[in-house]
Amino acid sequence: MLIKAILVGLVLGLCKSEWIYGFPQVGRPIVVSTLTGLFLGDPVQGVIMGSVLELMFIGSFPIGAAVSPDYTSAGAICTAFAILTGAGKAVATAMALPIALLGGFIFIGCKLMNAAFGQIMMKYLEKDDSKGASRIIYNGFCFHLFCSVFCLCFCLHFCRKCSSGSCSKCNSKSNY
């Protein structure tokens, strides 16, 4: 299970890093969900989930400084949840908007950390150390990718545990 979560996290990280290769729109839910389904062994379910989520987020584009819901994370997490737990398209679709909003908040946090990396990079540039500045750019990219992968792995592992009935906190009678 953890290996599948890491694979899906890597797909998410690569799709969210589309700025590296010129924004070819691989971060859209139809692409992310299809790739997620392909890596999890059910590409048909991936295309179906991607189509549904693409219809939900079709008008959501981050323009200017506006932070829209993170449809890329929603596509990967909801598709993986639907495939791995067998919960169905309805449950995964209902989870899409809260996950997308959470992804938007995580995106803002990563951008704040990138500002800190920028300050460190400026110190290297003031010393004419371009190699040090390049390392800081690489570290910022790795930090952003790590946040995406870690959050996805945590969500998938926790949701899978709760949906399978093995989570004692979710199954206790006192919670109802």
C-alpha atoms as a PDB file:
ATOM      1  CA  MET A   1       0.000   0.000   0.000  1.00  0.00           C
ATOM      2  CA  LEU A   2       2.737   2.440   0.888  1.00  0.00           C
ATOM      3  CA  ILE A   3       4.562   1.746  -2.384  1.00  0.00           C
ATOM      4  CA  LYS A   4       1.384   2.566  -4.325  1.00  0.00           C
ATOM      5  CA  ALA A   5       0.949   5.749  -2.320  1.00  0.00           C
ATOM      6  CA  ILE A   6       4.523   6.803  -3.097  1.00  0.00           C
ATOM      7  CA  LEU A   7       4.044   6.041  -6.813  1.00  0.00           C
ATOM      8  CA  VAL A   8       0.883   8.140  -6.896  1.00  0.00           C
ATOM      9  CA  GLY A   9       2.725  10.840  -4.974  1.00  0.00           C
ATOM     10  CA  LEU A  10       5.462  10.893  -7.587  1.00  0.00           C
ATOM     11  CA  VAL A  11       2.853  11.199 -10.348  1.00  0.00           C
ATOM     12  CA  LEU A  12       1.322  14.088  -8.422  1.00  0.00           C
ATOM     13  CA  GLY A  13       4.697  15.736  -7.897  1.00  0.00           C
ATOM     14  CA  LEU A  14       5.589  15.505 -11.579  1.00  0.00           C
ATOM     15  CA  CYS A  15       2.194  16.771 -12.692  1.00  0.00           C
ATOM     16  CA  LYS A  16       2.342  19.671 -10.245  1.00  0.00           C
ATOM     17  CA  SER A  17       5.802  20.561 -11.553  1.00  0.00           C
ATOM     18  CA  GLU A  18       4.492  21.316 -15.027  1.00  0.00           C
ATOM     19  CA  TRP A  19       6.108  24.768 -14.921  1.00  0.00           C
ATOM     20  CA  ILE A  20       9.426  23.031 -15.617  1.00  0.00           C
ATOM     21  CA  TYR A  21       8.328  21.913 -19.062  1.00  0.00           C
ATOM     22  CA  GLY A  22       6.227  24.888 -20.161  1.00  0.00           C
ATOM     23  CA  PHE A  23       2.737  24.328 -18.685  1.00  0.00           C
ATOM     24  CA  PRO A  24       1.439  21.640 -21.071  1.00  0.00           C
ATOM     25  CA  GLN A  25      -1.661  21.238 -18.834  1.00  0.00           C
ATOM     26  CA  VAL A  26      -0.630  17.853 -17.436  1.00  0.00           C
ATOM     27  CA  GLY A  27      -1.885  19.071 -14.064  1.00  0.00           C
ATOM     28  CA  ARG A  28      -5.511  18.934 -15.172  1.00  0.00           C
ATOM     29  CA  PRO A  29      -7.617  16.223 -13.468  1.00  0.00           C
ATOM     30  CA  ILE A  30      -8.220  14.274 -16.675  1.00  0.00           C
ATOM     31  CA  VAL A  31      -4.465  13.743 -17.146  1.00  0.00           C
ATOM     32  CA  VAL A  32      -3.560  13.244 -13.472  1.00  0.00           C
ATOM     33  CA  SER A  33      -6.384  10.781 -12.870  1.00  0.00           C
ATOM     34  CA  THR A  34      -5.556   8.805 -16.000  1.00  0.00           C
ATOM     35  CA  LEU A  35      -1.890   8.544 -14.984  1.00  0.00           C
ATOM     36  CA  THR A  36      -2.908   7.607 -11.434  1.00  0.00           C
ATOM     37  CA  GLY A  37      -5.217   4.899 -12.742  1.00  0.00           C
ATOM     38  CA  LEU A  38      -2.475   3.657 -15.049  1.00  0.00           C
ATOM     39  CA  PHE A  39       0.025   3.354 -12.181  1.00  0.00           C
ATOM     40  CA  LEU A  40      -2.535   1.630  -9.939  1.00  0.00           C
ATOM     41  CA  GLY A  41      -3.547  -0.883 -12.618  1.00  0.00           C
ATOM     42  CA  ASP A  42      -7.026   0.473 -13.432  1.00  0.00           C
ATOM     43  CA  PRO A  43      -6.724   3.055 -16.234  1.00  0.00           C
ATOM     44  CA  VAL A  44     -10.447   2.862 -17.091  1.00  0.00           C
ATOM     45  CA  GLN A  45     -11.410   3.953 -13.569  1.00  0.00           C
ATOM     46  CA  GLY A  46      -8.754   6.663 -13.842  1.00  0.00           C
ATOM     47  CA  VAL A  47     -10.256   8.061 -17.041  1.00  0.00           C
ATOM     48  CA  ILE A  48     -13.761   7.966 -15.558  1.00  0.00           C
ATOM     49  CA  MET A  49     -12.688   9.757 -12.374  1.00  0.00           C
ATOM     50  CA  GLY A  50     -10.641  12.227 -14.415  1.00  0.00           C
ATOM     51  CA  SER A  51     -13.640  13.066 -16.576  1.00  0.00           C
ATOM     52  CA  VAL A  52     -15.875  13.676 -13.582  1.00  0.00           C
ATOM     53  CA  LEU A  53     -13.278  15.788 -11.791  1.00  0.00           C
ATOM     54  CA  GLU A  54     -12.435  17.716 -14.954  1.00  0.00           C
ATOM     55  CA  LEU A  55     -16.089  18.714 -15.231  1.00  0.00           C
ATOM     56  CA  MET A  56     -16.023  19.873 -11.612  1.00  0.00           C
ATOM     57  CA  PHE A  57     -12.873  21.984 -12.009  1.00  0.00           C
ATOM     58  CA  ILE A  58     -13.132  23.021 -15.666  1.00  0.00           C
ATOM     59  CA  GLY A  59     -13.361  26.738 -14.880  1.00  0.00           C
ATOM     60  CA  SER A  60     -10.712  26.741 -12.170  1.00  0.00           C
ATOM     61  CA  PHE A  61      -7.520  28.372 -13.405  1.00  0.00           C
ATOM     62  CA  PRO A  62      -5.010  30.168 -11.199  1.00  0.00           C
ATOM     63  CA  ILE A  63      -4.878  33.611 -12.798  1.00  0.00           C
ATOM     64  CA  GLY A  64      -2.557  36.232 -11.356  1.00  0.00           C
ATOM     65  CA  ALA A  65      -2.212  36.076  -7.599  1.00  0.00           C
ATOM     66  CA  ALA A  66      -5.479  34.204  -7.101  1.00  0.00           C
ATOM     67  CA  VAL A  67      -5.109  30.797  -5.499  1.00  0.00           C
ATOM     68  CA  SER A  68      -7.664  28.379  -6.852  1.00  0.00           C
ATOM     69  CA  PRO A  69      -8.447  24.949  -5.418  1.00  0.00           C
ATOM     70  CA  ASP A  70      -5.705  22.452  -6.199  1.00  0.00           C
ATOM     71  CA  TYR A  71      -7.429  20.297  -8.784  1.00  0.00           C
ATOM     72  CA  THR A  72      -4.219  18.360  -9.445  1.00  0.00           C
ATOM     73  CA  SER A  73      -4.046  17.005  -5.891  1.00  0.00           C
ATOM     74  CA  ALA A  74      -7.773  16.328  -5.898  1.00  0.00           C
ATOM     75  CA  GLY A  75      -7.433  14.319  -9.104  1.00  0.00           C
ATOM     76  CA  ALA A  76      -4.616  12.147  -7.820  1.00  0.00           C
ATOM     77  CA  ILE A  77      -5.918  11.590  -4.282  1.00  0.00           C
ATOM     78  CA  CYS A  78      -9.564  10.986  -5.194  1.00  0.00           C
ATOM     79  CA  THR A  79      -8.715   8.628  -8.037  1.00  0.00           C
ATOM     80  CA  ALA A  80      -6.297   6.675  -5.861  1.00  0.00           C
ATOM     81  CA  PHE A  81      -8.877   6.542  -3.077  1.00  0.00           C
ATOM     82  CA  ALA A  82     -11.562   5.253  -5.452  1.00  0.00           C
ATOM     83  CA  ILE A  83      -9.277   2.585  -6.913  1.00  0.00           C
ATOM     84  CA  LEU A  84      -7.531   1.412  -3.748  1.00  0.00           C
ATOM     85  CA  THR A  85     -10.510   1.308  -1.409  1.00  0.00           C
ATOM     86  CA  GLY A  86     -13.241   0.410  -3.867  1.00  0.00           C
ATOM     87  CA  ALA A  87     -15.398   3.132  -2.297  1.00  0.00           C
ATOM     88  CA  GLY A  88     -16.710   4.227  -5.667  1.00  0.00           C
ATOM     89  CA  LYS A  89     -16.889   7.349  -7.748  1.00  0.00           C
ATOM     90  CA  ALA A  90     -19.522   9.046  -5.606  1.00  0.00           C
ATOM     91  CA  VAL A  91     -17.418   9.019  -2.426  1.00  0.00           C
ATOM     92  CA  ALA A  92     -14.292  10.112  -4.270  1.00  0.00           C
ATOM     93  CA  THR A  93     -16.182  12.930  -5.986  1.00  0.00           C
ATOM     94  CA  ALA A  94     -17.565  14.124  -2.662  1.00  0.00           C
ATOM     95  CA  MET A  95     -14.014  14.244  -1.289  1.00  0.00           C
ATOM     96  CA  ALA A  96     -12.686  16.238  -4.257  1.00  0.00           C
ATOM     97  CA  LEU A  97     -13.510  19.778  -3.161  1.00  0.00           C
ATOM     98  CA  PRO A  98     -12.254  19.513   0.446  1.00  0.00           C
ATOM     99  CA  ILE A  99      -9.038  17.898  -0.788  1.00  0.00           C
ATOM    100  CA  ALA A 100      -8.640  20.586  -3.458  1.00  0.00           C
ATOM    101  CA  LEU A 101      -9.055  23.329  -0.850  1.00  0.00           C
ATOM    102  CA  LEU A 102      -6.543  21.632   1.442  1.00  0.00           C
ATOM    103  CA  GLY A 103      -4.162  21.385  -1.498  1.00  0.00           C
ATOM    104  CA  GLY A 104      -4.588  25.123  -2.110  1.00  0.00           C
ATOM    105  CA  PHE A 105      -3.602  25.864   1.486  1.00  0.00           C
ATOM    106  CA  ILE A 106      -0.576  23.561   1.204  1.00  0.00           C
ATOM    107  CA  PHE A 107       0.369  25.389  -2.001  1.00  0.00           C
ATOM    108  CA  ILE A 108       0.315  28.706  -0.148  1.00  0.00           C
ATOM    109  CA  GLY A 109       2.540  27.210   2.577  1.00  0.00           C
ATOM    110  CA  CYS A 110       5.017  25.962  -0.043  1.00  0.00           C
ATOM    111  CA  LYS A 111       5.126  29.406  -1.634  1.00  0.00           C
ATOM    112  CA  LEU A 112       5.896  30.942   1.757  1.00  0.00           C
ATOM    113  CA  MET A 113       8.783  28.492   2.135  1.00  0.00           C
ATOM    114  CA  ASN A 114       9.948  29.378  -1.384  1.00  0.00           C
ATOM    115  CA  ALA A 115      10.171  33.002  -0.243  1.00  0.00           C
ATOM    116  CA  ALA A 116      12.500  31.868   2.560  1.00  0.00           C
ATOM    117  CA  PHE A 117      14.579  29.921   0.031  1.00  0.00           C
ATOM    118  CA  GLY A 118      14.699  33.082  -2.096  1.00  0.00           C
ATOM    119  CA  GLN A 119      16.194  35.064   0.775  1.00  0.00           C
ATOM    120  CA  ILE A 120      18.868  32.423   1.282  1.00  0.00           C
ATOM    121  CA  MET A 121      19.560  32.397  -2.449  1.00  0.00           C
ATOM    122  CA  MET A 122      20.042  36.178  -2.423  1.00  0.00           C
ATOM    123  CA  LYS A 123      22.793  35.788   0.179  1.00  0.00           C
ATOM    124  CA  TYR A 124      24.608  33.357  -2.119  1.00  0.00           C
ATOM    125  CA  LEU A 125      24.197  35.705  -5.067  1.00  0.00           C
ATOM    126  CA  GLU A 126      25.590  38.633  -3.063  1.00  0.00           C
ATOM    127  CA  LYS A 127      28.728  36.536  -2.552  1.00  0.00           C
ATOM    128  CA  ASP A 128      28.833  35.713  -6.317  1.00  0.00           C
ATOM    129  CA  ASP A 129      28.277  32.033  -5.555  1.00  0.00           C
ATOM    130  CA  SER A 130      26.088  30.885  -8.433  1.00  0.00           C
ATOM    131  CA  LYS A 131      26.548  27.206  -7.600  1.00  0.00           C
ATOM    132  CA  GLY A 132      25.223  27.802  -4.091  1.00  0.00           C
ATOM    133  CA  ALA A 133      22.243  29.704  -5.520  1.00  0.00           C
ATOM    134  CA  SER A 134      21.563  26.826  -7.924  1.00  0.00           C
ATOM    135  CA  ARG A 135      21.611  24.370  -5.021  1.00  0.00           C
ATOM    136  CA  ILE A 136      19.015  26.482  -3.201  1.00  0.00           C
ATOM    137  CA  ILE A 137      16.721  26.427  -6.246  1.00  0.00           C
ATOM    138  CA  TYR A 138      17.057  22.639  -6.391  1.00  0.00           C
ATOM    139  CA  ASN A 139      16.373  22.343  -2.651  1.00  0.00           C
ATOM    140  CA  GLY A 140      13.229  24.462  -3.020  1.00  0.00           C
ATOM    141  CA  PHE A 141      11.988  22.186  -5.795  1.00  0.00           C
ATOM    142  CA  CYS A 142      12.710  19.076  -3.717  1.00  0.00           C
ATOM    143  CA  PHE A 143      10.915  20.602  -0.728  1.00  0.00           C
ATOM    144  CA  HIS A 144       7.831  21.313  -2.842  1.00  0.00           C
ATOM    145  CA  LEU A 145       7.866  17.793  -4.302  1.00  0.00           C
ATOM    146  CA  PHE A 146       8.373  16.287  -0.832  1.00  0.00           C
ATOM    147  CA  CYS A 147       5.362  18.203   0.537  1.00  0.00           C
ATOM    148  CA  SER A 148       3.192  16.894  -2.302  1.00  0.00           C
ATOM    149  CA  VAL A 149       4.361  13.302  -1.888  1.00  0.00           C
ATOM    150  CA  PHE A 150       4.208  13.320   1.914  1.00  0.00           C
ATOM    151  CA  CYS A 151       0.717  14.812   2.083  1.00  0.00           C
ATOM    152  CA  LEU A 152      -0.594  12.363  -0.497  1.00  0.00           C
ATOM    153  CA  CYS A 153       0.993   9.338   1.182  1.00  0.00           C
ATOM    154  CA  PHE A 154      -0.390  10.408   4.548  1.00  0.00           C
ATOM    155  CA  CYS A 155      -3.905  10.967   3.188  1.00  0.00           C
ATOM    156  CA  LEU A 156      -3.965   7.697   1.261  1.00  0.00           C
ATOM    157  CA  HIS A 157      -2.555   5.638   4.100  1.00  0.00           C
ATOM    158  CA  PHE A 158      -4.905   7.145   6.686  1.00  0.00           C
ATOM    159  CA  CYS A 159      -8.019   6.956   4.467  1.00  0.00           C
ATOM    160  CA  ARG A 160      -7.256   3.384   3.446  1.00  0.00           C
ATOM    161  CA  LYS A 161      -6.841   2.368   7.084  1.00  0.00           C
ATOM    162  CA  CYS A 162     -10.122   4.011   8.098  1.00  0.00           C
ATOM    163  CA  SER A 163     -12.113   2.642   5.167  1.00  0.00           C
ATOM    164  CA  SER A 164     -10.856  -0.913   5.643  1.00  0.00           C
ATOM    165  CA  GLY A 165     -12.205  -1.062   9.184  1.00  0.00           C
ATOM    166  CA  SER A 166      -8.843  -1.469  10.892  1.00  0.00           C
ATOM    167  CA  CYS A 167      -8.764   1.997  12.463  1.00  0.00           C
ATOM    168  CA  SER A 168      -9.858   1.780  16.099  1.00  0.00           C
ATOM    169  CA  LYS A 169     -10.668   5.496  16.355  1.00  0.00           C
ATOM    170  CA  CYS A 170     -12.956   5.464  13.326  1.00  0.00           C
ATOM    171  CA  ASN A 171     -14.778   2.285  14.369  1.00  0.00           C
ATOM    172  CA  SER A 172     -15.377   2.997  18.045  1.00  0.00           C
ATOM    173  CA  LYS A 173     -19.030   3.326  19.056  1.00  0.00           C
ATOM    174  CA  SER A 174     -18.310   6.455  21.144  1.00  0.00           C
ATOM    175  CA  ASN A 175     -17.684   8.517  18.005  1.00  0.00           C
ATOM    176  CA  TYR A 176     -21.281   8.134  16.812  1.00  0.00           C
END
